[in-house]
Amino acid sequence: MSGEWIEHAETRLAEAGFRRGGARRAVIELLGEGHCAMTAAEIEERLREDGRSVGRASVYRTLEQLDELRLVSRLDVGTGTARYEAALPSGHHHHHLVCDSCGKVEPFEDPELEATIARLAAKVDSFRVGEHDVVLHGECAGCVAG
């Protein structure tokens, strides 16, 4: 990812009337680094590790604003806690592997899967597919070995 998404997000938020703030900028910069599907608590923790004190309420408020403007993808991996990642203006995205033992989430891309989804979407006359996500559940290599 890049500064391109960060600037795009800041511009869209400003156009929508949201005020600038240090906490919001910190969350946007972290998401702009391309971290895969983080919870609000993980975002808060990462920011604290980087020496940036951002309150959980500010993290949630920022994520809510970004979600409202469709600047993030909100992902439910079946744990009851939403995860967030930057939604690129190009539409380029990835899907997720979730370890049901330890909770680890890993991204994956598969052009054949994308082509299959596009073909299926074109065949369904009664429904217009706007977006999709694929979450595969199982066990990561560490849990299988351990």
N, C-alpha and C. Protein backbone atom coordinates (compact mmCIF):
# COMPACT_ATOMS: atom_id res chain seq x y z
N MET A 1 0.85 -1.16 0.00
CA MET A 1 0.00 0.00 0.00
C MET A 1 0.89 1.21 0.00
N SER A 2 0.33 2.35 0.29
CA SER A 2 1.20 3.51 0.16
C SER A 2 0.57 4.76 0.72
N GLY A 3 1.35 5.82 0.56
CA GLY A 3 0.85 7.13 0.93
C GLY A 3 -0.34 7.53 0.08
N GLU A 4 -0.49 6.90 -1.07
CA GLU A 4 -1.62 7.23 -1.97
C GLU A 4 -2.95 6.97 -1.25
N TRP A 5 -3.10 5.81 -0.59
CA TRP A 5 -4.34 5.53 0.11
C TRP A 5 -4.51 6.48 1.29
N ILE A 6 -3.41 6.77 1.99
CA ILE A 6 -3.47 7.66 3.14
C ILE A 6 -4.01 9.02 2.72
N GLU A 7 -3.46 9.56 1.65
CA GLU A 7 -3.91 10.88 1.18
C GLU A 7 -5.35 10.81 0.65
N HIS A 8 -5.69 9.72 -0.03
CA HIS A 8 -7.06 9.52 -0.51
C HIS A 8 -8.03 9.52 0.67
N ALA A 9 -7.70 8.79 1.73
CA ALA A 9 -8.56 8.70 2.91
C ALA A 9 -8.69 10.07 3.57
N GLU A 10 -7.59 10.78 3.75
CA GLU A 10 -7.64 12.10 4.37
C GLU A 10 -8.50 13.06 3.55
N THR A 11 -8.34 13.03 2.24
CA THR A 11 -9.12 13.90 1.37
C THR A 11 -10.60 13.59 1.46
N ARG A 12 -10.97 12.32 1.39
CA ARG A 12 -12.39 11.92 1.46
C ARG A 12 -13.00 12.30 2.80
N LEU A 13 -12.26 12.12 3.89
CA LEU A 13 -12.76 12.50 5.21
C LEU A 13 -12.98 14.01 5.30
N ALA A 14 -12.03 14.78 4.77
CA ALA A 14 -12.16 16.25 4.79
C ALA A 14 -13.36 16.68 3.95
N GLU A 15 -13.53 16.07 2.78
CA GLU A 15 -14.68 16.41 1.91
C GLU A 15 -16.00 16.08 2.59
N ALA A 16 -16.01 15.06 3.43
CA ALA A 16 -17.22 14.65 4.14
C ALA A 16 -17.45 15.49 5.40
N GLY A 17 -16.52 16.41 5.70
CA GLY A 17 -16.71 17.31 6.83
C GLY A 17 -16.12 16.83 8.14
N PHE A 18 -15.36 15.75 8.11
CA PHE A 18 -14.73 15.27 9.34
C PHE A 18 -13.47 16.10 9.61
N ARG A 19 -13.28 16.49 10.85
CA ARG A 19 -12.12 17.31 11.23
C ARG A 19 -10.87 16.45 11.32
N ARG A 20 -9.76 17.09 11.00
CA ARG A 20 -8.46 16.42 11.12
C ARG A 20 -8.10 16.25 12.58
N GLY A 21 -7.32 15.22 12.85
CA GLY A 21 -6.85 15.01 14.21
C GLY A 21 -5.67 14.06 14.22
N GLY A 22 -4.86 14.17 15.25
CA GLY A 22 -3.67 13.33 15.35
C GLY A 22 -3.99 11.86 15.49
N ALA A 23 -5.04 11.54 16.26
CA ALA A 23 -5.42 10.13 16.44
C ALA A 23 -5.89 9.54 15.13
N ARG A 24 -6.73 10.30 14.42
CA ARG A 24 -7.23 9.81 13.14
C ARG A 24 -6.07 9.58 12.16
N ARG A 25 -5.16 10.52 12.10
CA ARG A 25 -4.01 10.40 11.21
C ARG A 25 -3.18 9.16 11.56
N ALA A 26 -2.99 8.90 12.85
CA ALA A 26 -2.21 7.74 13.28
C ALA A 26 -2.87 6.44 12.83
N VAL A 27 -4.19 6.34 12.98
CA VAL A 27 -4.92 5.14 12.55
C VAL A 27 -4.82 4.98 11.03
N ILE A 28 -5.00 6.07 10.31
CA ILE A 28 -4.94 6.02 8.85
C ILE A 28 -3.55 5.62 8.38
N GLU A 29 -2.53 6.18 8.99
CA GLU A 29 -1.16 5.82 8.60
C GLU A 29 -0.88 4.35 8.86
N LEU A 30 -1.34 3.84 10.00
CA LEU A 30 -1.13 2.42 10.31
C LEU A 30 -1.84 1.54 9.28
N LEU A 31 -3.10 1.85 8.98
CA LEU A 31 -3.82 1.06 7.97
C LEU A 31 -3.17 1.20 6.60
N GLY A 32 -2.64 2.38 6.32
CA GLY A 32 -1.98 2.61 5.03
C GLY A 32 -0.69 1.84 4.85
N GLU A 33 -0.15 1.34 5.95
CA GLU A 33 1.06 0.51 5.85
C GLU A 33 0.75 -0.88 5.30
N GLY A 34 -0.53 -1.20 5.18
CA GLY A 34 -0.90 -2.47 4.56
C GLY A 34 -1.07 -3.63 5.51
N HIS A 35 -1.18 -3.35 6.80
CA HIS A 35 -1.41 -4.44 7.76
C HIS A 35 -2.73 -5.12 7.44
N CYS A 36 -2.74 -6.41 7.54
CA CYS A 36 -3.91 -7.20 7.16
C CYS A 36 -4.91 -7.30 8.30
N ALA A 37 -6.12 -6.89 8.05
CA ALA A 37 -7.30 -7.15 8.88
C ALA A 37 -7.04 -7.14 10.38
N MET A 38 -6.95 -5.96 10.95
CA MET A 38 -6.69 -5.80 12.37
C MET A 38 -7.96 -5.40 13.11
N THR A 39 -8.07 -5.83 14.36
CA THR A 39 -9.17 -5.38 15.21
C THR A 39 -8.83 -4.00 15.75
N ALA A 40 -9.83 -3.31 16.29
CA ALA A 40 -9.59 -2.00 16.90
C ALA A 40 -8.57 -2.12 18.03
N ALA A 41 -8.68 -3.17 18.82
CA ALA A 41 -7.73 -3.38 19.92
C ALA A 41 -6.31 -3.59 19.41
N GLU A 42 -6.17 -4.34 18.31
CA GLU A 42 -4.84 -4.56 17.72
C GLU A 42 -4.28 -3.25 17.17
N ILE A 43 -5.14 -2.43 16.58
CA ILE A 43 -4.69 -1.13 16.07
C ILE A 43 -4.20 -0.27 17.22
N GLU A 44 -4.98 -0.21 18.30
CA GLU A 44 -4.59 0.56 19.48
C GLU A 44 -3.25 0.07 20.03
N GLU A 45 -3.10 -1.25 20.13
CA GLU A 45 -1.87 -1.84 20.66
C GLU A 45 -0.67 -1.50 19.78
N ARG A 46 -0.83 -1.63 18.47
CA ARG A 46 0.28 -1.31 17.55
C ARG A 46 0.69 0.14 17.67
N LEU A 47 -0.31 1.03 17.78
CA LEU A 47 0.00 2.45 17.89
C LEU A 47 0.75 2.73 19.20
N ARG A 48 0.35 2.08 20.28
CA ARG A 48 1.05 2.26 21.56
C ARG A 48 2.49 1.75 21.46
N GLU A 49 2.68 0.60 20.78
CA GLU A 49 4.03 0.05 20.59
C GLU A 49 4.90 1.02 19.81
N ASP A 50 4.29 1.78 18.92
CA ASP A 50 5.02 2.77 18.13
C ASP A 50 5.17 4.10 18.86
N GLY A 51 4.73 4.14 20.13
CA GLY A 51 4.88 5.34 20.92
C GLY A 51 3.80 6.38 20.70
N ARG A 52 2.70 5.99 20.09
CA ARG A 52 1.60 6.92 19.83
C ARG A 52 0.44 6.57 20.74
N SER A 53 0.13 7.45 21.67
CA SER A 53 -0.94 7.22 22.61
C SER A 53 -2.26 7.66 22.00
N VAL A 54 -3.04 6.68 21.59
CA VAL A 54 -4.35 6.94 20.98
C VAL A 54 -5.37 6.14 21.75
N GLY A 55 -6.42 6.80 22.20
CA GLY A 55 -7.45 6.13 22.97
C GLY A 55 -8.31 5.21 22.10
N ARG A 56 -8.83 4.18 22.73
CA ARG A 56 -9.66 3.22 22.02
C ARG A 56 -10.88 3.89 21.38
N ALA A 57 -11.49 4.85 22.08
CA ALA A 57 -12.65 5.55 21.53
C ALA A 57 -12.29 6.27 20.23
N SER A 58 -11.10 6.85 20.18
CA SER A 58 -10.65 7.53 18.96
C SER A 58 -10.43 6.54 17.83
N VAL A 59 -9.90 5.37 18.17
CA VAL A 59 -9.70 4.32 17.16
C VAL A 59 -11.04 3.89 16.59
N TYR A 60 -12.01 3.60 17.47
CA TYR A 60 -13.34 3.18 17.01
C TYR A 60 -14.01 4.27 16.18
N ARG A 61 -13.91 5.52 16.64
CA ARG A 61 -14.54 6.62 15.91
C ARG A 61 -13.93 6.75 14.51
N THR A 62 -12.62 6.65 14.43
CA THR A 62 -11.95 6.74 13.13
C THR A 62 -12.36 5.58 12.22
N LEU A 63 -12.39 4.37 12.77
CA LEU A 63 -12.79 3.21 11.97
C LEU A 63 -14.23 3.35 11.48
N GLU A 64 -15.10 3.89 12.34
CA GLU A 64 -16.49 4.11 11.96
C GLU A 64 -16.59 5.11 10.80
N GLN A 65 -15.82 6.18 10.88
CA GLN A 65 -15.81 7.19 9.81
C GLN A 65 -15.27 6.59 8.51
N LEU A 66 -14.18 5.84 8.61
CA LEU A 66 -13.60 5.23 7.41
C LEU A 66 -14.55 4.21 6.80
N ASP A 67 -15.24 3.45 7.64
CA ASP A 67 -16.19 2.45 7.16
C ASP A 67 -17.38 3.14 6.48
N GLU A 68 -17.87 4.20 7.09
CA GLU A 68 -19.00 4.95 6.53
C GLU A 68 -18.69 5.44 5.11
N LEU A 69 -17.45 5.83 4.87
CA LEU A 69 -17.04 6.33 3.56
C LEU A 69 -16.47 5.23 2.67
N ARG A 70 -16.56 3.98 3.13
CA ARG A 70 -16.09 2.82 2.38
C ARG A 70 -14.59 2.90 2.07
N LEU A 71 -13.86 3.46 3.01
CA LEU A 71 -12.41 3.57 2.87
C LEU A 71 -11.68 2.39 3.50
N VAL A 72 -12.41 1.61 4.29
CA VAL A 72 -11.88 0.38 4.86
C VAL A 72 -12.83 -0.76 4.53
N SER A 73 -12.27 -1.95 4.52
CA SER A 73 -13.09 -3.16 4.43
C SER A 73 -13.25 -3.66 5.85
N ARG A 74 -14.48 -3.93 6.21
CA ARG A 74 -14.80 -4.48 7.55
C ARG A 74 -14.98 -5.97 7.37
N LEU A 75 -14.20 -6.74 8.07
CA LEU A 75 -14.18 -8.18 7.89
C LEU A 75 -14.62 -8.89 9.15
N ASP A 76 -15.53 -9.84 8.99
CA ASP A 76 -15.95 -10.68 10.10
C ASP A 76 -15.40 -12.07 9.82
N VAL A 77 -14.48 -12.51 10.67
CA VAL A 77 -13.87 -13.83 10.46
C VAL A 77 -14.49 -14.88 11.36
N GLY A 78 -15.64 -14.54 11.96
CA GLY A 78 -16.36 -15.53 12.75
C GLY A 78 -16.02 -15.54 14.23
N THR A 79 -15.29 -14.54 14.69
CA THR A 79 -14.92 -14.50 16.10
C THR A 79 -15.78 -13.52 16.89
N GLY A 80 -16.65 -12.80 16.20
CA GLY A 80 -17.50 -11.82 16.86
C GLY A 80 -16.85 -10.45 16.97
N THR A 81 -15.62 -10.31 16.52
CA THR A 81 -14.91 -9.03 16.55
C THR A 81 -14.56 -8.64 15.13
N ALA A 82 -14.96 -7.44 14.75
CA ALA A 82 -14.67 -6.97 13.39
C ALA A 82 -13.19 -6.66 13.22
N ARG A 83 -12.72 -6.89 12.01
CA ARG A 83 -11.35 -6.56 11.63
C ARG A 83 -11.43 -5.57 10.48
N TYR A 84 -10.43 -4.72 10.36
CA TYR A 84 -10.44 -3.65 9.37
C TYR A 84 -9.13 -3.62 8.60
N GLU A 85 -9.25 -3.26 7.32
CA GLU A 85 -8.06 -3.00 6.51
C GLU A 85 -8.44 -1.98 5.44
N ALA A 86 -7.44 -1.31 4.92
CA ALA A 86 -7.69 -0.27 3.93
C ALA A 86 -8.35 -0.86 2.69
N ALA A 87 -9.34 -0.14 2.16
CA ALA A 87 -9.99 -0.52 0.90
C ALA A 87 -9.41 0.37 -0.18
N LEU A 88 -8.67 -0.22 -1.08
CA LEU A 88 -7.99 0.55 -2.12
C LEU A 88 -8.98 1.07 -3.15
N PRO A 89 -8.80 2.31 -3.61
CA PRO A 89 -9.70 2.87 -4.62
C PRO A 89 -9.72 2.04 -5.91
N SER A 90 -8.63 1.33 -6.20
CA SER A 90 -8.54 0.50 -7.41
C SER A 90 -9.44 -0.73 -7.32
N GLY A 91 -9.85 -1.07 -6.09
CA GLY A 91 -10.65 -2.28 -5.89
C GLY A 91 -9.79 -3.51 -5.66
N HIS A 92 -8.47 -3.38 -5.82
CA HIS A 92 -7.58 -4.52 -5.58
C HIS A 92 -7.72 -4.94 -4.12
N HIS A 93 -7.82 -6.24 -3.89
CA HIS A 93 -8.02 -6.74 -2.54
C HIS A 93 -7.46 -8.16 -2.43
N HIS A 94 -7.50 -8.67 -1.21
CA HIS A 94 -7.10 -10.05 -0.98
C HIS A 94 -8.15 -10.70 -0.09
N HIS A 95 -7.99 -11.99 0.13
CA HIS A 95 -8.90 -12.74 0.98
C HIS A 95 -8.12 -13.24 2.19
N HIS A 96 -8.76 -14.04 3.04
CA HIS A 96 -8.13 -14.35 4.32
C HIS A 96 -8.23 -15.83 4.70
N LEU A 97 -7.14 -16.30 5.31
CA LEU A 97 -7.08 -17.62 5.95
C LEU A 97 -7.11 -17.36 7.45
N VAL A 98 -7.97 -18.07 8.18
CA VAL A 98 -8.11 -17.85 9.62
C VAL A 98 -7.85 -19.15 10.35
N CYS A 99 -6.92 -19.10 11.31
CA CYS A 99 -6.65 -20.27 12.14
C CYS A 99 -7.67 -20.29 13.27
N ASP A 100 -8.47 -21.34 13.31
CA ASP A 100 -9.50 -21.47 14.34
C ASP A 100 -8.92 -21.83 15.70
N SER A 101 -7.64 -22.22 15.75
CA SER A 101 -7.01 -22.56 17.02
C SER A 101 -6.40 -21.34 17.71
N CYS A 102 -5.59 -20.57 16.97
CA CYS A 102 -4.89 -19.44 17.59
C CYS A 102 -5.41 -18.07 17.16
N GLY A 103 -6.26 -18.04 16.13
CA GLY A 103 -6.83 -16.77 15.68
C GLY A 103 -6.01 -16.02 14.66
N LYS A 104 -4.88 -16.57 14.26
CA LYS A 104 -4.02 -15.91 13.28
C LYS A 104 -4.80 -15.70 11.97
N VAL A 105 -4.61 -14.53 11.36
CA VAL A 105 -5.26 -14.20 10.09
C VAL A 105 -4.17 -13.91 9.07
N GLU A 106 -4.23 -14.61 7.94
CA GLU A 106 -3.24 -14.41 6.88
C GLU A 106 -3.95 -14.06 5.58
N PRO A 107 -3.39 -13.11 4.82
CA PRO A 107 -3.99 -12.77 3.53
C PRO A 107 -3.57 -13.77 2.46
N PHE A 108 -4.42 -13.92 1.44
CA PHE A 108 -4.03 -14.68 0.25
C PHE A 108 -4.71 -14.08 -0.96
N GLU A 109 -4.08 -14.25 -2.11
CA GLU A 109 -4.64 -13.80 -3.38
C GLU A 109 -4.67 -14.98 -4.33
N ASP A 110 -5.69 -15.01 -5.18
CA ASP A 110 -5.80 -16.08 -6.16
C ASP A 110 -6.56 -15.55 -7.37
N PRO A 111 -5.85 -15.25 -8.46
CA PRO A 111 -6.51 -14.71 -9.66
C PRO A 111 -7.59 -15.65 -10.22
N GLU A 112 -7.39 -16.97 -10.11
CA GLU A 112 -8.40 -17.91 -10.59
C GLU A 112 -9.68 -17.80 -9.77
N LEU A 113 -9.55 -17.63 -8.47
CA LEU A 113 -10.72 -17.44 -7.61
C LEU A 113 -11.47 -16.16 -8.02
N GLU A 114 -10.74 -15.09 -8.25
CA GLU A 114 -11.36 -13.82 -8.67
C GLU A 114 -12.10 -13.99 -10.00
N ALA A 115 -11.48 -14.71 -10.93
CA ALA A 115 -12.13 -14.94 -12.23
C ALA A 115 -13.40 -15.77 -12.06
N THR A 116 -13.36 -16.77 -11.19
CA THR A 116 -14.53 -17.61 -10.94
C THR A 116 -15.65 -16.79 -10.31
N ILE A 117 -15.32 -15.94 -9.36
CA ILE A 117 -16.33 -15.09 -8.71
C ILE A 117 -16.93 -14.13 -9.74
N ALA A 118 -16.12 -13.56 -10.59
CA ALA A 118 -16.62 -12.64 -11.63
C ALA A 118 -17.54 -13.37 -12.58
N ARG A 119 -17.17 -14.60 -12.98
CA ARG A 119 -18.03 -15.40 -13.88
C ARG A 119 -19.37 -15.70 -13.22
N LEU A 120 -19.33 -16.10 -11.97
CA LEU A 120 -20.55 -16.40 -11.23
C LEU A 120 -21.43 -15.15 -11.11
N ALA A 121 -20.83 -14.05 -10.77
CA ALA A 121 -21.58 -12.79 -10.61
C ALA A 121 -22.26 -12.40 -11.92
N ALA A 122 -21.60 -12.65 -13.05
CA ALA A 122 -22.19 -12.32 -14.35
C ALA A 122 -23.37 -13.21 -14.69
N LYS A 123 -23.40 -14.42 -14.14
CA LYS A 123 -24.48 -15.37 -14.43
C LYS A 123 -25.74 -15.12 -13.61
N VAL A 124 -25.62 -14.42 -12.51
CA VAL A 124 -26.75 -14.23 -11.61
C VAL A 124 -27.53 -12.99 -12.04
N ASP A 125 -28.64 -13.22 -12.75
CA ASP A 125 -29.42 -12.10 -13.28
C ASP A 125 -30.22 -11.37 -12.20
N SER A 126 -30.59 -12.07 -11.15
CA SER A 126 -31.47 -11.48 -10.15
C SER A 126 -30.72 -10.74 -9.04
N PHE A 127 -29.40 -10.61 -9.17
CA PHE A 127 -28.62 -10.02 -8.10
C PHE A 127 -27.38 -9.36 -8.68
N ARG A 128 -27.08 -8.14 -8.24
CA ARG A 128 -25.88 -7.45 -8.68
C ARG A 128 -24.85 -7.51 -7.55
N VAL A 129 -23.76 -8.20 -7.79
CA VAL A 129 -22.70 -8.36 -6.79
C VAL A 129 -21.88 -7.08 -6.77
N GLY A 130 -21.79 -6.47 -5.59
CA GLY A 130 -21.02 -5.24 -5.44
C GLY A 130 -19.62 -5.50 -4.94
N GLU A 131 -19.50 -6.37 -3.98
CA GLU A 131 -18.19 -6.73 -3.44
C GLU A 131 -18.29 -8.12 -2.85
N HIS A 132 -17.15 -8.66 -2.49
CA HIS A 132 -17.14 -10.01 -1.91
C HIS A 132 -15.91 -10.15 -1.02
N ASP A 133 -15.98 -11.12 -0.13
CA ASP A 133 -14.80 -11.52 0.61
C ASP A 133 -14.88 -13.03 0.82
N VAL A 134 -13.72 -13.62 0.88
CA VAL A 134 -13.63 -15.07 1.07
C VAL A 134 -12.77 -15.29 2.32
N VAL A 135 -13.30 -16.05 3.26
CA VAL A 135 -12.57 -16.38 4.49
C VAL A 135 -12.54 -17.89 4.59
N LEU A 136 -11.33 -18.43 4.59
CA LEU A 136 -11.15 -19.87 4.74
C LEU A 136 -10.68 -20.17 6.16
N HIS A 137 -11.35 -21.08 6.83
CA HIS A 137 -11.01 -21.44 8.21
C HIS A 137 -10.26 -22.77 8.24
N GLY A 138 -9.38 -22.91 9.20
CA GLY A 138 -8.63 -24.15 9.38
C GLY A 138 -7.61 -23.96 10.48
N GLU A 139 -6.43 -24.58 10.32
CA GLU A 139 -5.36 -24.44 11.29
C GLU A 139 -4.08 -24.02 10.59
N CYS A 140 -3.39 -23.06 11.20
CA CYS A 140 -2.11 -22.60 10.64
C CYS A 140 -1.05 -23.68 10.86
N ALA A 141 0.06 -23.54 10.16
CA ALA A 141 1.14 -24.53 10.25
C ALA A 141 1.65 -24.67 11.68
N GLY A 142 1.72 -23.56 12.41
CA GLY A 142 2.20 -23.62 13.79
C GLY A 142 1.29 -24.44 14.69
N CYS A 143 -0.01 -24.32 14.51
CA CYS A 143 -0.96 -25.07 15.34
C CYS A 143 -1.00 -26.54 14.93
N VAL A 144 -0.86 -26.80 13.63
CA VAL A 144 -0.84 -28.20 13.17
C VAL A 144 0.38 -28.92 13.74
N ALA A 145 1.54 -28.24 13.72
CA ALA A 145 2.78 -28.85 14.20
C ALA A 145 2.84 -28.93 15.72
N GLY A 146 2.10 -28.03 16.39
CA GLY A 146 2.32 -27.89 17.80
C GLY A 146 1.48 -28.56 18.76
